[in-house]
Amino acid sequence: MPRLDHEFIVRMEDVLRLYARPLDLRQPVVCLDEKPIVLHGSKRDGRSPRPGQVARRDYEYRRLGTANVYCIVEPLTGRRLTHATPR
């Protein structure tokens, strides 16, 4: 967590003023967030479900690299776009 010092408050107020702007299609307000994720694969085959039992899966996994998920939002229009990279 950042410290809530004077500089942080000034910058946050600047962002909030930007979000409070009226809709202008020539200058859209767009928010972007990204999240790195770890890709997992099964190390062993699981067991298929049987009558009265659910499918079983081992907790051990193989790491298959990483990917990124991007989320782009235009809050005033409600438009959003999500994109995941393959690696």
PDB file of N, CA and C in Angstrom:
ATOM      1  N   MET A   1       0.840  -1.188   0.000  1.00  0.00           N
ATOM      2  CA  MET A   1       0.000   0.000   0.000  1.00  0.00           C
ATOM      3  C   MET A   1       0.880   1.245   0.000  1.00  0.00           C
ATOM      4  N   PRO A   2       0.528   2.210  -0.822  1.00  0.00           N
ATOM      5  CA  PRO A   2       1.279   3.462  -0.787  1.00  0.00           C
ATOM      6  C   PRO A   2       0.959   4.246   0.481  1.00  0.00           C
ATOM      7  N   ARG A   3       1.892   5.093   0.844  1.00  0.00           N
ATOM      8  CA  ARG A   3       1.634   5.976   1.986  1.00  0.00           C
ATOM      9  C   ARG A   3       0.686   7.076   1.544  1.00  0.00           C
ATOM     10  N   LEU A   4      -0.222   7.458   2.401  1.00  0.00           N
ATOM     11  CA  LEU A   4      -1.188   8.500   2.075  1.00  0.00           C
ATOM     12  C   LEU A   4      -0.602   9.868   2.418  1.00  0.00           C
ATOM     13  N   ASP A   5       0.508  10.200   1.767  1.00  0.00           N
ATOM     14  CA  ASP A   5       1.132  11.494   2.000  1.00  0.00           C
ATOM     15  C   ASP A   5       0.540  12.542   1.045  1.00  0.00           C
ATOM     16  N   HIS A   6       1.038  13.748   1.124  1.00  0.00           N
ATOM     17  CA  HIS A   6       0.498  14.857   0.327  1.00  0.00           C
ATOM     18  C   HIS A   6       0.600  14.577  -1.177  1.00  0.00           C
ATOM     19  N   GLU A   7       1.748  14.069  -1.619  1.00  0.00           N
ATOM     20  CA  GLU A   7       1.930  13.798  -3.048  1.00  0.00           C
ATOM     21  C   GLU A   7       0.928  12.767  -3.561  1.00  0.00           C
ATOM     22  N   PHE A   8       0.684  11.707  -2.788  1.00  0.00           N
ATOM     23  CA  PHE A   8      -0.281  10.688  -3.196  1.00  0.00           C
ATOM     24  C   PHE A   8      -1.680  11.298  -3.327  1.00  0.00           C
ATOM     25  N   ILE A   9      -2.073  12.109  -2.363  1.00  0.00           N
ATOM     26  CA  ILE A   9      -3.412  12.714  -2.377  1.00  0.00           C
ATOM     27  C   ILE A   9      -3.569  13.644  -3.573  1.00  0.00           C
ATOM     28  N   VAL A  10      -2.552  14.438  -3.875  1.00  0.00           N
ATOM     29  CA  VAL A  10      -2.609  15.341  -5.029  1.00  0.00           C
ATOM     30  C   VAL A  10      -2.766  14.545  -6.317  1.00  0.00           C
ATOM     31  N   ARG A  11      -2.012  13.460  -6.464  1.00  0.00           N
ATOM     32  CA  ARG A  11      -2.105  12.646  -7.687  1.00  0.00           C
ATOM     33  C   ARG A  11      -3.454  11.935  -7.790  1.00  0.00           C
ATOM     34  N   MET A  12      -3.971  11.447  -6.670  1.00  0.00           N
ATOM     35  CA  MET A  12      -5.271  10.779  -6.687  1.00  0.00           C
ATOM     36  C   MET A  12      -6.383  11.762  -7.047  1.00  0.00           C
ATOM     37  N   GLU A  13      -6.313  12.980  -6.528  1.00  0.00           N
ATOM     38  CA  GLU A  13      -7.313  13.993  -6.880  1.00  0.00           C
ATOM     39  C   GLU A  13      -7.259  14.309  -8.369  1.00  0.00           C
ATOM     40  N   ASP A  14      -6.062  14.308  -8.954  1.00  0.00           N
ATOM     41  CA  ASP A  14      -5.915  14.530 -10.390  1.00  0.00           C
ATOM     42  C   ASP A  14      -6.610  13.422 -11.177  1.00  0.00           C
ATOM     43  N   VAL A  15      -6.430  12.178 -10.754  1.00  0.00           N
ATOM     44  CA  VAL A  15      -7.091  11.046 -11.422  1.00  0.00           C
ATOM     45  C   VAL A  15      -8.609  11.151 -11.274  1.00  0.00           C
ATOM     46  N   LEU A  16      -9.076  11.495 -10.105  1.00  0.00           N
ATOM     47  CA  LEU A  16     -10.524  11.612  -9.882  1.00  0.00           C
ATOM     48  C   LEU A  16     -11.127  12.738 -10.713  1.00  0.00           C
ATOM     49  N   ARG A  17     -10.394  13.847 -10.889  1.00  0.00           N
ATOM     50  CA  ARG A  17     -10.880  14.928 -11.768  1.00  0.00           C
ATOM     51  C   ARG A  17     -10.990  14.432 -13.205  1.00  0.00           C
ATOM     52  N   LEU A  18     -10.043  13.627 -13.625  1.00  0.00           N
ATOM     53  CA  LEU A  18     -10.078  13.065 -14.974  1.00  0.00           C
ATOM     54  C   LEU A  18     -11.321  12.192 -15.149  1.00  0.00           C
ATOM     55  N   TYR A  19     -11.622  11.326 -14.166  1.00  0.00           N
ATOM     56  CA  TYR A  19     -12.800  10.466 -14.250  1.00  0.00           C
ATOM     57  C   TYR A  19     -14.101  11.261 -14.212  1.00  0.00           C
ATOM     58  N   ALA A  20     -14.090  12.449 -13.633  1.00  0.00           N
ATOM     59  CA  ALA A  20     -15.307  13.255 -13.512  1.00  0.00           C
ATOM     60  C   ALA A  20     -15.583  14.092 -14.757  1.00  0.00           C
ATOM     61  N   ARG A  21     -14.696  14.066 -15.739  1.00  0.00           N
ATOM     62  CA  ARG A  21     -14.930  14.826 -16.975  1.00  0.00           C
ATOM     63  C   ARG A  21     -16.204  14.350 -17.664  1.00  0.00           C
ATOM     64  N   PRO A  22     -16.910  15.262 -18.327  1.00  0.00           N
ATOM     65  CA  PRO A  22     -18.072  14.830 -19.115  1.00  0.00           C
ATOM     66  C   PRO A  22     -17.609  14.046 -20.347  1.00  0.00           C
ATOM     67  N   LEU A  23     -18.493  13.273 -20.907  1.00  0.00           N
ATOM     68  CA  LEU A  23     -18.178  12.449 -22.077  1.00  0.00           C
ATOM     69  C   LEU A  23     -17.797  13.326 -23.262  1.00  0.00           C
ATOM     70  N   ASP A  24     -16.645  13.064 -23.838  1.00  0.00           N
ATOM     71  CA  ASP A  24     -16.161  13.739 -25.044  1.00  0.00           C
ATOM     72  C   ASP A  24     -15.606  12.650 -25.949  1.00  0.00           C
ATOM     73  N   LEU A  25     -16.295  12.361 -27.041  1.00  0.00           N
ATOM     74  CA  LEU A  25     -15.889  11.267 -27.926  1.00  0.00           C
ATOM     75  C   LEU A  25     -14.550  11.530 -28.607  1.00  0.00           C
ATOM     76  N   ARG A  26     -14.117  12.804 -28.656  1.00  0.00           N
ATOM     77  CA  ARG A  26     -12.810  13.117 -29.253  1.00  0.00           C
ATOM     78  C   ARG A  26     -11.667  12.832 -28.290  1.00  0.00           C
ATOM     79  N   GLN A  27     -11.961  12.841 -26.975  1.00  0.00           N
ATOM     80  CA  GLN A  27     -10.943  12.556 -25.964  1.00  0.00           C
ATOM     81  C   GLN A  27     -11.513  11.572 -24.939  1.00  0.00           C
ATOM     82  N   PRO A  28     -11.605  10.300 -25.281  1.00  0.00           N
ATOM     83  CA  PRO A  28     -12.189   9.327 -24.351  1.00  0.00           C
ATOM     84  C   PRO A  28     -11.305   9.104 -23.122  1.00  0.00           C
ATOM     85  N   VAL A  29     -11.942   8.829 -22.007  1.00  0.00           N
ATOM     86  CA  VAL A  29     -11.235   8.465 -20.783  1.00  0.00           C
ATOM     87  C   VAL A  29     -11.194   6.945 -20.745  1.00  0.00           C
ATOM     88  N   VAL A  30      -9.999   6.382 -20.747  1.00  0.00           N
ATOM     89  CA  VAL A  30      -9.821   4.938 -20.815  1.00  0.00           C
ATOM     90  C   VAL A  30      -8.963   4.490 -19.635  1.00  0.00           C
ATOM     91  N   CYS A  31      -9.385   3.426 -18.971  1.00  0.00           N
ATOM     92  CA  CYS A  31      -8.640   2.842 -17.861  1.00  0.00           C
ATOM     93  C   CYS A  31      -8.054   1.512 -18.330  1.00  0.00           C
ATOM     94  N   LEU A  32      -6.832   1.225 -17.926  1.00  0.00           N
ATOM     95  CA  LEU A  32      -6.160  -0.008 -18.319  1.00  0.00           C
ATOM     96  C   LEU A  32      -5.607  -0.687 -17.076  1.00  0.00           C
ATOM     97  N   ASP A  33      -5.818  -1.992 -16.987  1.00  0.00           N
ATOM     98  CA  ASP A  33      -5.247  -2.769 -15.900  1.00  0.00           C
ATOM     99  C   ASP A  33      -4.688  -4.051 -16.495  1.00  0.00           C
ATOM    100  N   GLU A  34      -3.611  -4.548 -15.920  1.00  0.00           N
ATOM    101  CA  GLU A  34      -3.035  -5.801 -16.389  1.00  0.00           C
ATOM    102  C   GLU A  34      -2.753  -6.707 -15.203  1.00  0.00           C
ATOM    103  N   LYS A  35      -2.836  -8.002 -15.446  1.00  0.00           N
ATOM    104  CA  LYS A  35      -2.571  -8.979 -14.400  1.00  0.00           C
ATOM    105  C   LYS A  35      -1.758 -10.122 -14.985  1.00  0.00           C
ATOM    106  N   PRO A  36      -0.556 -10.352 -14.475  1.00  0.00           N
ATOM    107  CA  PRO A  36       0.198 -11.523 -14.917  1.00  0.00           C
ATOM    108  C   PRO A  36      -0.377 -12.781 -14.254  1.00  0.00           C
ATOM    109  N   ILE A  37      -0.433 -13.862 -15.002  1.00  0.00           N
ATOM    110  CA  ILE A  37      -0.935 -15.128 -14.455  1.00  0.00           C
ATOM    111  C   ILE A  37       0.055 -16.238 -14.771  1.00  0.00           C
ATOM    112  N   VAL A  38       0.067 -17.254 -13.928  1.00  0.00           N
ATOM    113  CA  VAL A  38       0.914 -18.432 -14.135  1.00  0.00           C
ATOM    114  C   VAL A  38       0.070 -19.498 -14.812  1.00  0.00           C
ATOM    115  N   LEU A  39       0.620 -20.096 -15.867  1.00  0.00           N
ATOM    116  CA  LEU A  39      -0.083 -21.161 -16.590  1.00  0.00           C
ATOM    117  C   LEU A  39       0.318 -22.504 -15.990  1.00  0.00           C
ATOM    118  N   HIS A  40      -0.675 -23.315 -15.640  1.00  0.00           N
ATOM    119  CA  HIS A  40      -0.437 -24.619 -15.021  1.00  0.00           C
ATOM    120  C   HIS A  40      -0.911 -25.737 -15.936  1.00  0.00           C
ATOM    121  N   GLY A  41      -0.223 -26.863 -15.874  1.00  0.00           N
ATOM    122  CA  GLY A  41      -0.642 -28.080 -16.555  1.00  0.00           C
ATOM    123  C   GLY A  41      -0.623 -29.226 -15.557  1.00  0.00           C
ATOM    124  N   SER A  42      -1.358 -30.268 -15.832  1.00  0.00           N
ATOM    125  CA  SER A  42      -1.414 -31.418 -14.928  1.00  0.00           C
ATOM    126  C   SER A  42      -0.134 -32.230 -15.021  1.00  0.00           C
ATOM    127  N   LYS A  43       0.348 -32.658 -13.876  1.00  0.00           N
ATOM    128  CA  LYS A  43       1.534 -33.514 -13.858  1.00  0.00           C
ATOM    129  C   LYS A  43       1.125 -34.979 -14.011  1.00  0.00           C
ATOM    130  N   ARG A  44      -0.046 -35.323 -13.496  1.00  0.00           N
ATOM    131  CA  ARG A  44      -0.578 -36.686 -13.611  1.00  0.00           C
ATOM    132  C   ARG A  44      -2.022 -36.608 -14.108  1.00  0.00           C
ATOM    133  N   ASP A  45      -2.442 -37.667 -14.773  1.00  0.00           N
ATOM    134  CA  ASP A  45      -3.847 -37.731 -15.188  1.00  0.00           C
ATOM    135  C   ASP A  45      -4.738 -37.908 -13.967  1.00  0.00           C
ATOM    136  N   GLY A  46      -5.876 -37.256 -13.997  1.00  0.00           N
ATOM    137  CA  GLY A  46      -6.838 -37.416 -12.910  1.00  0.00           C
ATOM    138  C   GLY A  46      -7.693 -38.651 -13.113  1.00  0.00           C
ATOM    139  N   ARG A  47      -8.605 -38.857 -12.188  1.00  0.00           N
ATOM    140  CA  ARG A  47      -9.542 -39.989 -12.300  1.00  0.00           C
ATOM    141  C   ARG A  47     -10.888 -39.484 -12.784  1.00  0.00           C
ATOM    142  N   SER A  48     -11.460 -40.221 -13.706  1.00  0.00           N
ATOM    143  CA  SER A  48     -12.779 -39.860 -14.213  1.00  0.00           C
ATOM    144  C   SER A  48     -13.832 -40.074 -13.128  1.00  0.00           C
ATOM    145  N   PRO A  49     -14.946 -39.367 -13.233  1.00  0.00           N
ATOM    146  CA  PRO A  49     -15.998 -39.578 -12.224  1.00  0.00           C
ATOM    147  C   PRO A  49     -16.600 -40.974 -12.350  1.00  0.00           C
ATOM    148  N   ARG A  50     -17.011 -41.513 -11.225  1.00  0.00           N
ATOM    149  CA  ARG A  50     -17.685 -42.807 -11.178  1.00  0.00           C
ATOM    150  C   ARG A  50     -19.036 -42.596 -10.520  1.00  0.00           C
ATOM    151  N   PRO A  51     -19.930 -43.520 -10.632  1.00  0.00           N
ATOM    152  CA  PRO A  51     -21.226 -43.351  -9.959  1.00  0.00           C
ATOM    153  C   PRO A  51     -21.025 -43.086  -8.464  1.00  0.00           C
ATOM    154  N   GLY A  52     -21.560 -41.976  -8.001  1.00  0.00           N
ATOM    155  CA  GLY A  52     -21.451 -41.621  -6.594  1.00  0.00           C
ATOM    156  C   GLY A  52     -20.171 -40.906  -6.222  1.00  0.00           C
ATOM    157  N   GLN A  53     -19.249 -40.690  -7.171  1.00  0.00           N
ATOM    158  CA  GLN A  53     -17.990 -39.989  -6.897  1.00  0.00           C
ATOM    159  C   GLN A  53     -17.758 -38.898  -7.942  1.00  0.00           C
ATOM    160  N   VAL A  54     -17.133 -37.836  -7.505  1.00  0.00           N
ATOM    161  CA  VAL A  54     -16.779 -36.754  -8.430  1.00  0.00           C
ATOM    162  C   VAL A  54     -15.428 -37.066  -9.064  1.00  0.00           C
ATOM    163  N   ALA A  55     -15.106 -36.365 -10.138  1.00  0.00           N
ATOM    164  CA  ALA A  55     -13.795 -36.528 -10.772  1.00  0.00           C
ATOM    165  C   ALA A  55     -12.717 -36.091  -9.786  1.00  0.00           C
ATOM    166  N   ARG A  56     -11.560 -36.706  -9.875  1.00  0.00           N
ATOM    167  CA  ARG A  56     -10.464 -36.374  -8.966  1.00  0.00           C
ATOM    168  C   ARG A  56      -9.284 -35.844  -9.768  1.00  0.00           C
ATOM    169  N   ARG A  57      -8.601 -34.882  -9.168  1.00  0.00           N
ATOM    170  CA  ARG A  57      -7.469 -34.261  -9.827  1.00  0.00           C
ATOM    171  C   ARG A  57      -6.359 -34.057  -8.810  1.00  0.00           C
ATOM    172  N   ASP A  58      -5.144 -34.351  -9.194  1.00  0.00           N
ATOM    173  CA  ASP A  58      -4.006 -34.204  -8.295  1.00  0.00           C
ATOM    174  C   ASP A  58      -3.670 -32.720  -8.140  1.00  0.00           C
ATOM    175  N   TYR A  59      -3.214 -32.335  -6.965  1.00  0.00           N
ATOM    176  CA  TYR A  59      -2.870 -30.940  -6.714  1.00  0.00           C
ATOM    177  C   TYR A  59      -1.517 -30.559  -7.308  1.00  0.00           C
ATOM    178  N   GLU A  60      -0.681 -31.538  -7.628  1.00  0.00           N
ATOM    179  CA  GLU A  60       0.635 -31.232  -8.182  1.00  0.00           C
ATOM    180  C   GLU A  60       0.488 -30.817  -9.644  1.00  0.00           C
ATOM    181  N   TYR A  61       1.259 -29.826 -10.054  1.00  0.00           N
ATOM    182  CA  TYR A  61       1.136 -29.310 -11.418  1.00  0.00           C
ATOM    183  C   TYR A  61       2.505 -29.023 -12.017  1.00  0.00           C
ATOM    184  N   ARG A  62       2.509 -28.841 -13.334  1.00  0.00           N
ATOM    185  CA  ARG A  62       3.703 -28.397 -14.067  1.00  0.00           C
ATOM    186  C   ARG A  62       3.497 -26.935 -14.427  1.00  0.00           C
ATOM    187  N   ARG A  63       4.522 -26.152 -14.254  1.00  0.00           N
ATOM    188  CA  ARG A  63       4.434 -24.747 -14.641  1.00  0.00           C
ATOM    189  C   ARG A  63       4.677 -24.644 -16.148  1.00  0.00           C
ATOM    190  N   LEU A  64       3.774 -23.987 -16.847  1.00  0.00           N
ATOM    191  CA  LEU A  64       3.851 -23.871 -18.300  1.00  0.00           C
ATOM    192  C   LEU A  64       4.161 -22.450 -18.759  1.00  0.00           C
ATOM    193  N   GLY A  65       4.717 -21.648 -17.885  1.00  0.00           N
ATOM    194  CA  GLY A  65       5.062 -20.277 -18.255  1.00  0.00           C
ATOM    195  C   GLY A  65       4.078 -19.279 -17.671  1.00  0.00           C
ATOM    196  N   THR A  66       4.072 -18.092 -18.237  1.00  0.00           N
ATOM    197  CA  THR A  66       3.188 -17.033 -17.767  1.00  0.00           C
ATOM    198  C   THR A  66       2.477 -16.389 -18.945  1.00  0.00           C
ATOM    199  N   ALA A  67       1.429 -15.673 -18.639  1.00  0.00           N
ATOM    200  CA  ALA A  67       0.675 -14.901 -19.631  1.00  0.00           C
ATOM    201  C   ALA A  67       0.210 -13.624 -18.943  1.00  0.00           C
ATOM    202  N   ASN A  68      -0.372 -12.731 -19.700  1.00  0.00           N
ATOM    203  CA  ASN A  68      -0.912 -11.496 -19.149  1.00  0.00           C
ATOM    204  C   ASN A  68      -2.365 -11.358 -19.568  1.00  0.00           C
ATOM    205  N   VAL A  69      -3.165 -10.814 -18.678  1.00  0.00           N
ATOM    206  CA  VAL A  69      -4.555 -10.491 -18.988  1.00  0.00           C
ATOM    207  C   VAL A  69      -4.684  -8.982 -18.877  1.00  0.00           C
ATOM    208  N   TYR A  70      -5.178  -8.350 -19.937  1.00  0.00           N
ATOM    209  CA  TYR A  70      -5.372  -6.909 -19.963  1.00  0.00           C
ATOM    210  C   TYR A  70      -6.866  -6.605 -19.970  1.00  0.00           C
ATOM    211  N   CYS A  71      -7.261  -5.614 -19.213  1.00  0.00           N
ATOM    212  CA  CYS A  71      -8.648  -5.165 -19.189  1.00  0.00           C
ATOM    213  C   CYS A  71      -8.654  -3.667 -19.464  1.00  0.00           C
ATOM    214  N   ILE A  72      -9.371  -3.265 -20.480  1.00  0.00           N
ATOM    215  CA  ILE A  72      -9.472  -1.865 -20.871  1.00  0.00           C
ATOM    216  C   ILE A  72     -10.932  -1.457 -20.712  1.00  0.00           C
ATOM    217  N   VAL A  73     -11.170  -0.367 -19.998  1.00  0.00           N
ATOM    218  CA  VAL A  73     -12.536   0.076 -19.709  1.00  0.00           C
ATOM    219  C   VAL A  73     -12.668   1.556 -20.049  1.00  0.00           C
ATOM    220  N   GLU A  74     -13.768   1.892 -20.707  1.00  0.00           N
ATOM    221  CA  GLU A  74     -14.147   3.289 -20.919  1.00  0.00           C
ATOM    222  C   GLU A  74     -15.367   3.529 -20.033  1.00  0.00           C
ATOM    223  N   PRO A  75     -15.173   4.044 -18.807  1.00  0.00           N
ATOM    224  CA  PRO A  75     -16.241   4.063 -17.810  1.00  0.00           C
ATOM    225  C   PRO A  75     -17.486   4.854 -18.213  1.00  0.00           C
ATOM    226  N   LEU A  76     -17.327   5.946 -18.950  1.00  0.00           N
ATOM    227  CA  LEU A  76     -18.489   6.775 -19.262  1.00  0.00           C
ATOM    228  C   LEU A  76     -19.403   6.156 -20.312  1.00  0.00           C
ATOM    229  N   THR A  77     -18.878   5.262 -21.140  1.00  0.00           N
ATOM    230  CA  THR A  77     -19.713   4.603 -22.152  1.00  0.00           C
ATOM    231  C   THR A  77     -20.045   3.163 -21.786  1.00  0.00           C
ATOM    232  N   GLY A  78     -19.332   2.614 -20.794  1.00  0.00           N
ATOM    233  CA  GLY A  78     -19.558   1.220 -20.408  1.00  0.00           C
ATOM    234  C   GLY A  78     -18.849   0.226 -21.314  1.00  0.00           C
ATOM    235  N   ARG A  79     -18.069   0.709 -22.259  1.00  0.00           N
ATOM    236  CA  ARG A  79     -17.349  -0.199 -23.159  1.00  0.00           C
ATOM    237  C   ARG A  79     -16.180  -0.819 -22.422  1.00  0.00           C
ATOM    238  N   ARG A  80     -15.922  -2.094 -22.707  1.00  0.00           N
ATOM    239  CA  ARG A  80     -14.784  -2.782 -22.091  1.00  0.00           C
ATOM    240  C   ARG A  80     -14.246  -3.830 -23.054  1.00  0.00           C
ATOM    241  N   LEU A  81     -12.964  -4.107 -22.893  1.00  0.00           N
ATOM    242  CA  LEU A  81     -12.277  -5.075 -23.734  1.00  0.00           C
ATOM    243  C   LEU A  81     -11.308  -5.833 -22.851  1.00  0.00           C
ATOM    244  N   THR A  82     -11.302  -7.140 -22.974  1.00  0.00           N
ATOM    245  CA  THR A  82     -10.365  -7.975 -22.234  1.00  0.00           C
ATOM    246  C   THR A  82      -9.546  -8.756 -23.247  1.00  0.00           C
ATOM    247  N   HIS A  83      -8.245  -8.815 -23.015  1.00  0.00           N
ATOM    248  CA  HIS A  83      -7.345  -9.521 -23.924  1.00  0.00           C
ATOM    249  C   HIS A  83      -6.354 -10.339 -23.086  1.00  0.00           C
ATOM    250  N   ALA A  84      -6.165 -11.597 -23.443  1.00  0.00           N
ATOM    251  CA  ALA A  84      -5.173 -12.446 -22.777  1.00  0.00           C
ATOM    252  C   ALA A  84      -4.108 -12.830 -23.794  1.00  0.00           C
ATOM    253  N   THR A  85      -2.849 -12.727 -23.378  1.00  0.00           N
ATOM    254  CA  THR A  85      -1.762 -13.140 -24.245  1.00  0.00           C
ATOM    255  C   THR A  85      -1.570 -14.649 -24.127  1.00  0.00           C
ATOM    256  N   PRO A  86      -1.135 -15.304 -25.211  1.00  0.00           N
ATOM    257  CA  PRO A  86      -0.946 -16.763 -25.117  1.00  0.00           C
ATOM    258  C   PRO A  86       0.244 -17.163 -24.265  1.00  0.00           C
ATOM    259  N   ARG A  87       1.234 -16.327 -24.112  1.00  0.00           N
ATOM    260  CA  ARG A  87       2.437 -16.601 -23.305  1.00  0.00           C
ATOM    261  C   ARG A  87       2.847 -15.344 -22.587  1.00  0.00           C
TER     262      ARG A  87
END
